[in-house]
Amino acid sequence: MASASRLREPSEPVVLHARAMDNLRFIRETMERSAVFTAVPGWGTVAIGAAAFPAAWIASRQTTAELWLTTWLVTAFVAVLIGAATTANKLQGVEKSQFFRPLRNFAFGLAPPLATGAVLTLALYRMGRVDALAGMWLLTYGSGIVTGGSFSVRAVPLMGLCFMGLGGIALFVPAGWEDAWLAAGFGLLHIIFGLIIARKHGG
């Protein structure tokens, strides 16, 4: 009659295999949670910044609030296209699963402040407070970059803090300098930090 220990032997490799798979799953999930989103496009960010300067020049020459707002909204749409295209280009040849969770976290952190900015844009426009839009845009965009950038490289949340600081100042200075503030933020800050990201983390 076989001993009880011999009867248990065939099940031991199965138990060890299941334990090894659990350990591998835990390691993979831990790495995904701790991964940072490094696919922020450096040169794409520079291009977005470069687009802000002609936009500021064009917007400053508009004669109505509607045309001024339209100029900047079109620029924002162009910036989104540039960002999407350059991010996709940077991710080419990279294991997509490596960036899925960080990219999702980045997007979820960025979306609520941007949605808030969209609602406030409509509200301020209806109240006739177009002069407050520049500071509000810089502030909400910056807060979105900070929250989304907590899952990215250090330069990204730092850029967001700079946007927030600039937006806070813009909200409390006399009206008439909106385009200059937007050029300084969406133009100059994007170019500076885009160059930093491109140099340290690739284009």
N, C-alpha and C. Protein backbone atom coordinates (compact mmCIF):
# COMPACT_ATOMS: atom_id res chain seq x y z
N MET A 1 0.86 -1.20 0.00
CA MET A 1 0.00 0.00 0.00
C MET A 1 0.89 1.25 0.00
N ALA A 2 0.62 2.18 -0.95
CA ALA A 2 1.45 3.38 -1.05
C ALA A 2 1.25 4.27 0.15
N SER A 3 2.29 4.93 0.57
CA SER A 3 2.18 5.84 1.70
C SER A 3 1.43 7.09 1.32
N ALA A 4 0.93 7.81 2.35
CA ALA A 4 0.17 9.05 2.10
C ALA A 4 1.05 10.10 1.44
N SER A 5 2.37 10.13 1.80
CA SER A 5 3.25 11.14 1.21
C SER A 5 3.44 10.91 -0.28
N ARG A 6 3.52 9.62 -0.70
CA ARG A 6 3.67 9.34 -2.12
C ARG A 6 2.41 9.71 -2.90
N LEU A 7 1.24 9.55 -2.27
CA LEU A 7 -0.01 9.91 -2.94
C LEU A 7 -0.10 11.41 -3.18
N ARG A 8 0.56 12.20 -2.36
CA ARG A 8 0.49 13.66 -2.50
C ARG A 8 1.50 14.20 -3.52
N GLU A 9 2.50 13.41 -3.88
CA GLU A 9 3.58 13.90 -4.73
C GLU A 9 3.13 14.48 -6.06
N PRO A 10 2.21 13.83 -6.82
CA PRO A 10 1.83 14.37 -8.13
C PRO A 10 1.20 15.76 -8.06
N SER A 11 0.58 16.11 -6.93
CA SER A 11 -0.08 17.41 -6.84
C SER A 11 0.89 18.54 -6.51
N GLU A 12 2.09 18.21 -6.00
CA GLU A 12 3.02 19.25 -5.59
C GLU A 12 3.50 20.12 -6.75
N PRO A 13 3.86 19.55 -7.92
CA PRO A 13 4.25 20.42 -9.04
C PRO A 13 3.15 21.37 -9.47
N VAL A 14 1.89 20.91 -9.38
CA VAL A 14 0.77 21.77 -9.75
C VAL A 14 0.67 22.94 -8.78
N VAL A 15 0.84 22.67 -7.49
CA VAL A 15 0.78 23.72 -6.47
C VAL A 15 1.91 24.72 -6.68
N LEU A 16 3.11 24.22 -6.95
CA LEU A 16 4.26 25.11 -7.16
C LEU A 16 4.08 25.96 -8.41
N HIS A 17 3.51 25.36 -9.45
CA HIS A 17 3.26 26.11 -10.69
C HIS A 17 2.26 27.24 -10.45
N ALA A 18 1.18 26.93 -9.72
CA ALA A 18 0.16 27.94 -9.43
C ALA A 18 0.74 29.07 -8.58
N ARG A 19 1.61 28.69 -7.63
CA ARG A 19 2.23 29.71 -6.78
C ARG A 19 3.17 30.60 -7.60
N ALA A 20 3.93 29.98 -8.52
CA ALA A 20 4.83 30.76 -9.37
C ALA A 20 4.05 31.72 -10.26
N MET A 21 2.92 31.26 -10.79
CA MET A 21 2.10 32.13 -11.64
C MET A 21 1.53 33.29 -10.84
N ASP A 22 1.13 33.02 -9.60
CA ASP A 22 0.62 34.10 -8.74
C ASP A 22 1.71 35.12 -8.47
N ASN A 23 2.92 34.64 -8.22
CA ASN A 23 4.04 35.56 -7.97
C ASN A 23 4.35 36.41 -9.18
N LEU A 24 4.35 35.80 -10.38
CA LEU A 24 4.60 36.55 -11.61
C LEU A 24 3.52 37.58 -11.85
N ARG A 25 2.27 37.22 -11.57
CA ARG A 25 1.16 38.15 -11.76
C ARG A 25 1.31 39.34 -10.81
N PHE A 26 1.68 39.06 -9.56
CA PHE A 26 1.88 40.13 -8.58
C PHE A 26 3.01 41.07 -9.02
N ILE A 27 4.12 40.49 -9.51
CA ILE A 27 5.24 41.32 -9.96
C ILE A 27 4.84 42.19 -11.14
N ARG A 28 4.11 41.60 -12.11
CA ARG A 28 3.70 42.36 -13.28
C ARG A 28 2.78 43.51 -12.90
N GLU A 29 1.79 43.25 -12.03
CA GLU A 29 0.85 44.29 -11.63
C GLU A 29 1.55 45.38 -10.83
N THR A 30 2.52 45.00 -10.01
CA THR A 30 3.28 46.00 -9.24
C THR A 30 4.08 46.90 -10.17
N MET A 31 4.71 46.29 -11.17
CA MET A 31 5.48 47.09 -12.13
C MET A 31 4.58 48.02 -12.92
N GLU A 32 3.39 47.56 -13.30
CA GLU A 32 2.47 48.41 -14.04
C GLU A 32 2.01 49.59 -13.20
N ARG A 33 1.75 49.33 -11.91
CA ARG A 33 1.31 50.42 -11.03
C ARG A 33 2.40 51.44 -10.82
N SER A 34 3.65 50.98 -10.77
CA SER A 34 4.76 51.89 -10.48
C SER A 34 5.36 52.51 -11.74
N ALA A 35 4.94 52.04 -12.92
CA ALA A 35 5.51 52.58 -14.16
C ALA A 35 5.09 54.02 -14.36
N VAL A 36 5.95 54.79 -15.00
CA VAL A 36 5.63 56.18 -15.31
C VAL A 36 5.36 56.31 -16.80
N PHE A 37 4.53 57.27 -17.12
CA PHE A 37 4.18 57.50 -18.51
C PHE A 37 5.26 58.38 -19.13
N THR A 38 6.18 57.75 -19.86
CA THR A 38 7.31 58.48 -20.44
C THR A 38 7.08 58.83 -21.90
N ALA A 39 5.87 58.60 -22.41
CA ALA A 39 5.61 58.85 -23.83
C ALA A 39 5.13 60.26 -24.09
N VAL A 40 5.27 61.17 -23.12
CA VAL A 40 4.98 62.58 -23.39
C VAL A 40 5.94 63.04 -24.47
N PRO A 41 5.44 63.54 -25.60
CA PRO A 41 6.32 63.87 -26.73
C PRO A 41 7.06 65.18 -26.52
N GLY A 42 8.39 65.11 -26.43
CA GLY A 42 9.17 66.32 -26.22
C GLY A 42 9.06 67.30 -27.39
N TRP A 43 9.36 66.80 -28.59
CA TRP A 43 9.30 67.68 -29.75
C TRP A 43 7.86 68.05 -30.10
N GLY A 44 6.92 67.17 -29.79
CA GLY A 44 5.52 67.52 -29.98
C GLY A 44 5.10 68.66 -29.07
N THR A 45 5.59 68.64 -27.82
CA THR A 45 5.31 69.72 -26.89
C THR A 45 5.92 71.03 -27.37
N VAL A 46 7.12 70.95 -27.95
CA VAL A 46 7.75 72.14 -28.53
C VAL A 46 6.89 72.68 -29.67
N ALA A 47 6.39 71.79 -30.53
CA ALA A 47 5.55 72.21 -31.65
C ALA A 47 4.26 72.86 -31.17
N ILE A 48 3.68 72.33 -30.11
CA ILE A 48 2.47 72.93 -29.54
C ILE A 48 2.78 74.35 -29.05
N GLY A 49 3.93 74.50 -28.40
CA GLY A 49 4.34 75.82 -27.93
C GLY A 49 4.55 76.79 -29.08
N ALA A 50 5.17 76.31 -30.16
CA ALA A 50 5.42 77.18 -31.31
C ALA A 50 4.11 77.66 -31.94
N ALA A 51 3.08 76.83 -31.89
CA ALA A 51 1.79 77.20 -32.48
C ALA A 51 1.10 78.31 -31.69
N ALA A 52 1.46 78.46 -30.42
CA ALA A 52 0.79 79.45 -29.58
C ALA A 52 1.18 80.88 -29.93
N PHE A 53 2.38 81.08 -30.47
CA PHE A 53 2.82 82.45 -30.76
C PHE A 53 2.06 83.09 -31.92
N PRO A 54 1.91 82.43 -33.07
CA PRO A 54 1.07 83.03 -34.11
C PRO A 54 -0.39 83.15 -33.67
N ALA A 55 -0.84 82.20 -32.85
CA ALA A 55 -2.22 82.29 -32.35
C ALA A 55 -2.41 83.54 -31.50
N ALA A 56 -1.43 83.84 -30.65
CA ALA A 56 -1.52 85.04 -29.82
C ALA A 56 -1.52 86.30 -30.67
N TRP A 57 -0.72 86.31 -31.72
CA TRP A 57 -0.65 87.46 -32.62
C TRP A 57 -1.99 87.65 -33.35
N ILE A 58 -2.54 86.56 -33.85
CA ILE A 58 -3.83 86.64 -34.56
C ILE A 58 -4.95 87.05 -33.61
N ALA A 59 -4.97 86.43 -32.42
CA ALA A 59 -6.04 86.73 -31.46
C ALA A 59 -6.00 88.18 -31.02
N SER A 60 -4.81 88.74 -30.87
CA SER A 60 -4.69 90.12 -30.40
C SER A 60 -5.25 91.13 -31.40
N ARG A 61 -5.45 90.71 -32.63
CA ARG A 61 -5.95 91.60 -33.67
C ARG A 61 -7.43 91.39 -33.98
N GLN A 62 -8.09 90.54 -33.20
CA GLN A 62 -9.52 90.33 -33.41
C GLN A 62 -10.32 91.46 -32.77
N THR A 63 -11.43 91.79 -33.38
CA THR A 63 -12.22 92.93 -32.94
C THR A 63 -13.42 92.54 -32.06
N THR A 64 -13.70 91.25 -31.97
CA THR A 64 -14.83 90.82 -31.14
C THR A 64 -14.38 89.69 -30.22
N ALA A 65 -15.10 89.52 -29.11
CA ALA A 65 -14.80 88.44 -28.18
C ALA A 65 -15.01 87.08 -28.83
N GLU A 66 -16.00 87.00 -29.71
CA GLU A 66 -16.29 85.73 -30.38
C GLU A 66 -15.12 85.29 -31.26
N LEU A 67 -14.57 86.23 -32.04
CA LEU A 67 -13.45 85.90 -32.91
C LEU A 67 -12.19 85.58 -32.09
N TRP A 68 -11.99 86.31 -31.02
CA TRP A 68 -10.85 86.04 -30.14
C TRP A 68 -10.94 84.63 -29.57
N LEU A 69 -12.13 84.28 -29.05
CA LEU A 69 -12.33 82.96 -28.47
C LEU A 69 -12.18 81.87 -29.53
N THR A 70 -12.71 82.10 -30.71
CA THR A 70 -12.61 81.12 -31.79
C THR A 70 -11.16 80.87 -32.16
N THR A 71 -10.35 81.92 -32.20
CA THR A 71 -8.93 81.77 -32.53
C THR A 71 -8.24 80.82 -31.57
N TRP A 72 -8.48 81.01 -30.27
CA TRP A 72 -7.81 80.17 -29.29
C TRP A 72 -8.39 78.76 -29.24
N LEU A 73 -9.68 78.61 -29.50
CA LEU A 73 -10.26 77.26 -29.52
C LEU A 73 -9.74 76.45 -30.71
N VAL A 74 -9.60 77.11 -31.86
CA VAL A 74 -9.01 76.43 -33.01
C VAL A 74 -7.57 76.04 -32.71
N THR A 75 -6.83 76.92 -32.05
CA THR A 75 -5.45 76.61 -31.67
C THR A 75 -5.40 75.42 -30.72
N ALA A 76 -6.33 75.37 -29.78
CA ALA A 76 -6.38 74.24 -28.84
C ALA A 76 -6.65 72.93 -29.59
N PHE A 77 -7.54 72.98 -30.58
CA PHE A 77 -7.84 71.78 -31.38
C PHE A 77 -6.59 71.32 -32.14
N VAL A 78 -5.88 72.27 -32.72
CA VAL A 78 -4.64 71.94 -33.44
C VAL A 78 -3.62 71.34 -32.47
N ALA A 79 -3.54 71.89 -31.26
CA ALA A 79 -2.59 71.38 -30.26
C ALA A 79 -2.92 69.94 -29.88
N VAL A 80 -4.21 69.63 -29.76
CA VAL A 80 -4.62 68.25 -29.44
C VAL A 80 -4.19 67.31 -30.56
N LEU A 81 -4.38 67.71 -31.81
CA LEU A 81 -3.96 66.88 -32.94
C LEU A 81 -2.45 66.66 -32.94
N ILE A 82 -1.69 67.73 -32.67
CA ILE A 82 -0.23 67.59 -32.62
C ILE A 82 0.18 66.64 -31.51
N GLY A 83 -0.42 66.83 -30.33
CA GLY A 83 -0.09 65.97 -29.19
C GLY A 83 -0.41 64.52 -29.45
N ALA A 84 -1.59 64.25 -30.02
CA ALA A 84 -1.99 62.86 -30.30
C ALA A 84 -1.06 62.22 -31.33
N ALA A 85 -0.75 62.96 -32.39
CA ALA A 85 0.09 62.40 -33.46
C ALA A 85 1.51 62.13 -32.97
N THR A 86 2.08 63.06 -32.21
CA THR A 86 3.47 62.89 -31.77
C THR A 86 3.57 61.85 -30.65
N THR A 87 2.53 61.72 -29.83
CA THR A 87 2.53 60.66 -28.82
C THR A 87 2.47 59.30 -29.49
N ALA A 88 1.59 59.16 -30.48
CA ALA A 88 1.49 57.89 -31.21
C ALA A 88 2.81 57.56 -31.89
N ASN A 89 3.47 58.57 -32.43
CA ASN A 89 4.75 58.35 -33.10
C ASN A 89 5.82 57.90 -32.10
N LYS A 90 5.81 58.48 -30.90
CA LYS A 90 6.80 58.10 -29.90
C LYS A 90 6.57 56.69 -29.39
N LEU A 91 5.33 56.23 -29.43
CA LEU A 91 5.01 54.89 -28.94
C LEU A 91 5.26 53.80 -29.98
N GLN A 92 5.59 54.17 -31.21
CA GLN A 92 5.84 53.16 -32.23
C GLN A 92 7.04 52.30 -31.85
N GLY A 93 6.85 50.99 -32.00
CA GLY A 93 7.92 50.06 -31.68
C GLY A 93 8.08 49.77 -30.21
N VAL A 94 7.16 50.32 -29.37
CA VAL A 94 7.24 50.09 -27.93
C VAL A 94 6.12 49.14 -27.54
N GLU A 95 6.39 48.27 -26.58
CA GLU A 95 5.38 47.34 -26.10
C GLU A 95 4.20 48.13 -25.52
N LYS A 96 3.04 48.03 -26.17
CA LYS A 96 1.90 48.87 -25.80
C LYS A 96 1.40 48.58 -24.39
N SER A 97 1.44 47.29 -23.98
CA SER A 97 0.95 46.94 -22.65
C SER A 97 1.76 47.60 -21.55
N GLN A 98 3.02 47.94 -21.87
CA GLN A 98 3.89 48.60 -20.89
C GLN A 98 3.36 49.99 -20.53
N PHE A 99 2.67 50.65 -21.47
CA PHE A 99 2.23 52.02 -21.25
C PHE A 99 0.73 52.15 -21.02
N PHE A 100 -0.01 51.02 -21.12
CA PHE A 100 -1.46 51.14 -21.07
C PHE A 100 -1.93 51.73 -19.74
N ARG A 101 -1.51 51.13 -18.64
CA ARG A 101 -1.97 51.62 -17.34
C ARG A 101 -1.48 53.03 -17.04
N PRO A 102 -0.18 53.36 -17.24
CA PRO A 102 0.26 54.74 -17.02
C PRO A 102 -0.45 55.75 -17.92
N LEU A 103 -0.69 55.37 -19.19
CA LEU A 103 -1.39 56.26 -20.10
C LEU A 103 -2.81 56.50 -19.64
N ARG A 104 -3.46 55.44 -19.19
CA ARG A 104 -4.83 55.58 -18.68
C ARG A 104 -4.85 56.48 -17.44
N ASN A 105 -3.91 56.27 -16.53
CA ASN A 105 -3.84 57.11 -15.33
C ASN A 105 -3.58 58.57 -15.68
N PHE A 106 -2.69 58.78 -16.66
CA PHE A 106 -2.38 60.14 -17.12
C PHE A 106 -3.64 60.81 -17.67
N ALA A 107 -4.38 60.08 -18.51
CA ALA A 107 -5.59 60.63 -19.12
C ALA A 107 -6.66 60.91 -18.07
N PHE A 108 -6.84 59.99 -17.12
CA PHE A 108 -7.85 60.18 -16.08
C PHE A 108 -7.49 61.35 -15.17
N GLY A 109 -6.21 61.58 -14.94
CA GLY A 109 -5.80 62.72 -14.13
C GLY A 109 -5.97 64.04 -14.86
N LEU A 110 -5.77 64.02 -16.18
CA LEU A 110 -5.85 65.24 -16.99
C LEU A 110 -7.29 65.65 -17.30
N ALA A 111 -8.16 64.66 -17.50
CA ALA A 111 -9.51 64.94 -18.02
C ALA A 111 -10.38 65.82 -17.11
N PRO A 112 -10.49 65.56 -15.80
CA PRO A 112 -11.41 66.38 -14.98
C PRO A 112 -11.08 67.88 -14.98
N PRO A 113 -9.81 68.30 -14.81
CA PRO A 113 -9.54 69.74 -14.88
C PRO A 113 -9.85 70.34 -16.24
N LEU A 114 -9.58 69.59 -17.32
CA LEU A 114 -9.89 70.11 -18.65
C LEU A 114 -11.40 70.23 -18.86
N ALA A 115 -12.15 69.27 -18.35
CA ALA A 115 -13.61 69.35 -18.45
C ALA A 115 -14.13 70.55 -17.64
N THR A 116 -13.53 70.77 -16.48
CA THR A 116 -13.90 71.93 -15.66
C THR A 116 -13.60 73.22 -16.42
N GLY A 117 -12.45 73.28 -17.07
CA GLY A 117 -12.09 74.46 -17.86
C GLY A 117 -13.07 74.71 -18.99
N ALA A 118 -13.55 73.64 -19.63
CA ALA A 118 -14.52 73.81 -20.72
C ALA A 118 -15.83 74.40 -20.22
N VAL A 119 -16.30 73.90 -19.06
CA VAL A 119 -17.55 74.42 -18.49
C VAL A 119 -17.37 75.88 -18.06
N LEU A 120 -16.25 76.19 -17.42
CA LEU A 120 -16.00 77.57 -16.99
C LEU A 120 -15.84 78.51 -18.17
N THR A 121 -15.30 78.01 -19.28
CA THR A 121 -15.17 78.84 -20.48
C THR A 121 -16.55 79.30 -20.94
N LEU A 122 -17.48 78.38 -21.02
CA LEU A 122 -18.84 78.72 -21.44
C LEU A 122 -19.50 79.69 -20.45
N ALA A 123 -19.31 79.41 -19.14
CA ALA A 123 -19.93 80.25 -18.12
C ALA A 123 -19.37 81.67 -18.15
N LEU A 124 -18.06 81.80 -18.21
CA LEU A 124 -17.44 83.13 -18.22
C LEU A 124 -17.77 83.89 -19.50
N TYR A 125 -17.85 83.18 -20.61
CA TYR A 125 -18.21 83.83 -21.87
C TYR A 125 -19.63 84.38 -21.79
N ARG A 126 -20.54 83.61 -21.23
CA ARG A 126 -21.94 84.07 -21.12
C ARG A 126 -22.06 85.24 -20.16
N MET A 127 -21.16 85.31 -19.17
CA MET A 127 -21.18 86.43 -18.22
C MET A 127 -20.43 87.64 -18.74
N GLY A 128 -19.83 87.51 -19.91
CA GLY A 128 -19.08 88.62 -20.46
C GLY A 128 -17.73 88.82 -19.83
N ARG A 129 -17.19 87.78 -19.20
CA ARG A 129 -15.88 87.88 -18.53
C ARG A 129 -14.81 87.17 -19.36
N VAL A 130 -14.71 87.53 -20.61
CA VAL A 130 -13.71 86.94 -21.48
C VAL A 130 -12.30 87.27 -20.98
N ASP A 131 -12.16 88.39 -20.28
CA ASP A 131 -10.85 88.78 -19.78
C ASP A 131 -10.30 87.80 -18.75
N ALA A 132 -11.19 87.00 -18.13
CA ALA A 132 -10.74 86.04 -17.11
C ALA A 132 -10.39 84.68 -17.71
N LEU A 133 -10.63 84.51 -19.00
CA LEU A 133 -10.42 83.19 -19.61
C LEU A 133 -8.95 82.79 -19.63
N ALA A 134 -8.06 83.71 -19.95
CA ALA A 134 -6.65 83.35 -20.07
C ALA A 134 -6.11 82.77 -18.76
N GLY A 135 -6.33 83.46 -17.66
CA GLY A 135 -5.86 82.97 -16.37
C GLY A 135 -6.51 81.65 -16.00
N MET A 136 -7.82 81.53 -16.26
CA MET A 136 -8.51 80.28 -15.94
C MET A 136 -7.99 79.13 -16.77
N TRP A 137 -7.75 79.35 -18.08
CA TRP A 137 -7.21 78.29 -18.92
C TRP A 137 -5.86 77.81 -18.42
N LEU A 138 -4.98 78.76 -18.12
CA LEU A 138 -3.64 78.40 -17.64
C LEU A 138 -3.73 77.63 -16.32
N LEU A 139 -4.62 78.06 -15.44
CA LEU A 139 -4.75 77.44 -14.13
C LEU A 139 -5.32 76.02 -14.23
N THR A 140 -6.40 75.84 -14.98
CA THR A 140 -7.01 74.51 -15.09
C THR A 140 -6.14 73.55 -15.89
N TYR A 141 -5.53 74.06 -16.96
CA TYR A 141 -4.62 73.20 -17.73
C TYR A 141 -3.44 72.78 -16.87
N GLY A 142 -2.90 73.73 -16.12
CA GLY A 142 -1.78 73.40 -15.24
C GLY A 142 -2.15 72.37 -14.19
N SER A 143 -3.34 72.50 -13.59
CA SER A 143 -3.76 71.53 -12.58
C SER A 143 -3.95 70.15 -13.21
N GLY A 144 -4.43 70.10 -14.46
CA GLY A 144 -4.56 68.82 -15.14
C GLY A 144 -3.22 68.19 -15.43
N ILE A 145 -2.24 69.01 -15.81
CA ILE A 145 -0.90 68.49 -16.06
C ILE A 145 -0.27 68.00 -14.76
N VAL A 146 -0.53 68.67 -13.64
CA VAL A 146 0.01 68.22 -12.36
C VAL A 146 -0.60 66.87 -11.97
N THR A 147 -1.93 66.75 -12.04
CA THR A 147 -2.57 65.51 -11.63
C THR A 147 -2.24 64.36 -12.58
N GLY A 148 -2.34 64.62 -13.89
CA GLY A 148 -1.96 63.59 -14.84
C GLY A 148 -0.48 63.31 -14.81
N GLY A 149 0.31 64.35 -14.59
CA GLY A 149 1.76 64.22 -14.60
C GLY A 149 2.33 63.51 -13.39
N SER A 150 1.50 63.27 -12.37
CA SER A 150 1.98 62.48 -11.23
C SER A 150 2.30 61.06 -11.65
N PHE A 151 1.81 60.63 -12.83
CA PHE A 151 2.11 59.31 -13.37
C PHE A 151 3.15 59.42 -14.49
N SER A 152 3.82 60.56 -14.59
CA SER A 152 4.78 60.75 -15.67
C SER A 152 6.13 61.15 -15.09
N VAL A 153 7.03 61.56 -15.97
CA VAL A 153 8.36 61.98 -15.54
C VAL A 153 8.28 63.30 -14.79
N ARG A 154 9.30 63.61 -14.01
CA ARG A 154 9.26 64.75 -13.08
C ARG A 154 9.02 66.09 -13.78
N ALA A 155 9.53 66.23 -15.00
CA ALA A 155 9.39 67.51 -15.71
C ALA A 155 7.94 67.85 -16.00
N VAL A 156 7.08 66.84 -16.14
CA VAL A 156 5.69 67.09 -16.52
C VAL A 156 4.90 67.77 -15.39
N PRO A 157 4.85 67.21 -14.17
CA PRO A 157 4.14 67.94 -13.11
C PRO A 157 4.78 69.29 -12.78
N LEU A 158 6.10 69.40 -12.94
CA LEU A 158 6.76 70.69 -12.72
C LEU A 158 6.25 71.71 -13.73
N MET A 159 6.09 71.30 -14.98
CA MET A 159 5.51 72.18 -15.98
C MET A 159 4.11 72.61 -15.57
N GLY A 160 3.32 71.65 -15.07
CA GLY A 160 1.97 71.99 -14.62
C GLY A 160 1.95 73.02 -13.52
N LEU A 161 2.88 72.91 -12.57
CA LEU A 161 2.96 73.90 -11.49
C LEU A 161 3.29 75.28 -12.03
N CYS A 162 4.15 75.33 -13.04
CA CYS A 162 4.49 76.62 -13.66
C CYS A 162 3.26 77.23 -14.34
N PHE A 163 2.48 76.39 -15.01
CA PHE A 163 1.25 76.87 -15.62
C PHE A 163 0.28 77.41 -14.56
N MET A 164 0.15 76.70 -13.46
CA MET A 164 -0.75 77.14 -12.39
C MET A 164 -0.31 78.47 -11.81
N GLY A 165 1.00 78.61 -11.59
CA GLY A 165 1.51 79.87 -11.07
C GLY A 165 1.25 81.02 -12.01
N LEU A 166 1.49 80.80 -13.29
CA LEU A 166 1.26 81.83 -14.29
C LEU A 166 -0.22 82.19 -14.39
N GLY A 167 -1.08 81.16 -14.33
CA GLY A 167 -2.52 81.41 -14.38
C GLY A 167 -3.02 82.17 -13.18
N GLY A 168 -2.48 81.84 -12.01
CA GLY A 168 -2.89 82.56 -10.81
C GLY A 168 -2.52 84.02 -10.88
N ILE A 169 -1.34 84.33 -11.42
CA ILE A 169 -0.93 85.73 -11.58
C ILE A 169 -1.83 86.43 -12.60
N ALA A 170 -2.09 85.74 -13.73
CA ALA A 170 -2.88 86.35 -14.80
C ALA A 170 -4.29 86.72 -14.35
N LEU A 171 -4.82 86.00 -13.38
CA LEU A 171 -6.18 86.29 -12.92
C LEU A 171 -6.27 87.56 -12.08
N PHE A 172 -5.14 88.04 -11.58
CA PHE A 172 -5.17 89.18 -10.66
C PHE A 172 -4.39 90.39 -11.17
N VAL A 173 -4.15 90.42 -12.46
CA VAL A 173 -3.50 91.60 -13.04
C VAL A 173 -4.52 92.30 -13.94
N PRO A 174 -4.29 93.58 -14.26
CA PRO A 174 -5.24 94.31 -15.11
C PRO A 174 -5.47 93.62 -16.44
N ALA A 175 -6.69 93.78 -16.96
CA ALA A 175 -7.04 93.17 -18.24
C ALA A 175 -6.27 93.83 -19.38
N GLY A 176 -6.22 93.13 -20.51
CA GLY A 176 -5.55 93.66 -21.69
C GLY A 176 -4.29 92.93 -22.07
N TRP A 177 -3.83 92.02 -21.19
CA TRP A 177 -2.60 91.28 -21.45
C TRP A 177 -2.87 89.79 -21.64
N GLU A 178 -4.11 89.43 -21.95
CA GLU A 178 -4.48 88.02 -22.02
C GLU A 178 -3.64 87.24 -23.03
N ASP A 179 -3.44 87.81 -24.21
CA ASP A 179 -2.69 87.10 -25.24
C ASP A 179 -1.22 86.94 -24.85
N ALA A 180 -0.68 87.91 -24.15
CA ALA A 180 0.71 87.81 -23.70
C ALA A 180 0.85 86.69 -22.67
N TRP A 181 -0.10 86.59 -21.75
CA TRP A 181 -0.06 85.52 -20.76
C TRP A 181 -0.19 84.15 -21.42
N LEU A 182 -1.09 84.04 -22.40
CA LEU A 182 -1.28 82.77 -23.10
C LEU A 182 -0.05 82.39 -23.92
N ALA A 183 0.58 83.38 -24.54
CA ALA A 183 1.81 83.11 -25.28
C ALA A 183 2.93 82.66 -24.33
N ALA A 184 3.00 83.31 -23.16
CA ALA A 184 4.02 82.93 -22.19
C ALA A 184 3.80 81.51 -21.66
N GLY A 185 2.53 81.16 -21.45
CA GLY A 185 2.22 79.83 -20.92
C GLY A 185 2.23 78.76 -21.98
N PHE A 186 1.23 78.81 -22.86
CA PHE A 186 1.09 77.77 -23.87
C PHE A 186 2.20 77.82 -24.91
N GLY A 187 2.87 78.95 -25.03
CA GLY A 187 3.99 79.05 -25.95
C GLY A 187 5.32 78.75 -25.28
N LEU A 188 5.79 79.67 -24.45
CA LEU A 188 7.13 79.59 -23.88
C LEU A 188 7.32 78.39 -22.96
N LEU A 189 6.38 78.15 -22.04
CA LEU A 189 6.52 77.03 -21.11
C LEU A 189 6.53 75.69 -21.85
N HIS A 190 5.67 75.57 -22.86
CA HIS A 190 5.66 74.32 -23.63
C HIS A 190 7.00 74.09 -24.32
N ILE A 191 7.56 75.14 -24.87
CA ILE A 191 8.84 75.00 -25.57
C ILE A 191 9.95 74.64 -24.60
N ILE A 192 10.03 75.33 -23.47
CA ILE A 192 11.09 75.06 -22.49
C ILE A 192 11.02 73.62 -21.99
N PHE A 193 9.84 73.21 -21.54
CA PHE A 193 9.73 71.86 -20.98
C PHE A 193 9.73 70.80 -22.06
N GLY A 194 9.27 71.13 -23.25
CA GLY A 194 9.37 70.19 -24.36
C GLY A 194 10.82 69.86 -24.68
N LEU A 195 11.67 70.88 -24.68
CA LEU A 195 13.09 70.67 -24.92
C LEU A 195 13.73 69.82 -23.82
N ILE A 196 13.31 70.06 -22.58
CA ILE A 196 13.83 69.27 -21.46
C ILE A 196 13.43 67.81 -21.61
N ILE A 197 12.15 67.57 -21.93
CA ILE A 197 11.67 66.20 -22.09
C ILE A 197 12.34 65.52 -23.27
N ALA A 198 12.49 66.24 -24.39
CA ALA A 198 13.13 65.66 -25.57
C ALA A 198 14.58 65.28 -25.27
N ARG A 199 15.26 66.10 -24.51
CA ARG A 199 16.68 65.85 -24.21
C ARG A 199 16.85 64.67 -23.25
N LYS A 200 15.97 64.57 -22.25
CA LYS A 200 16.15 63.56 -21.21
C LYS A 200 15.38 62.27 -21.47
N HIS A 201 14.25 62.37 -22.20
CA HIS A 201 13.38 61.19 -22.35
C HIS A 201 13.03 60.88 -23.80
N GLY A 202 13.66 61.55 -24.72
CA GLY A 202 13.41 61.26 -26.13
C GLY A 202 12.28 62.10 -26.69
N GLY A 203 12.32 62.22 -28.04
CA GLY A 203 11.33 63.09 -28.71
C GLY A 203 9.96 62.50 -28.78
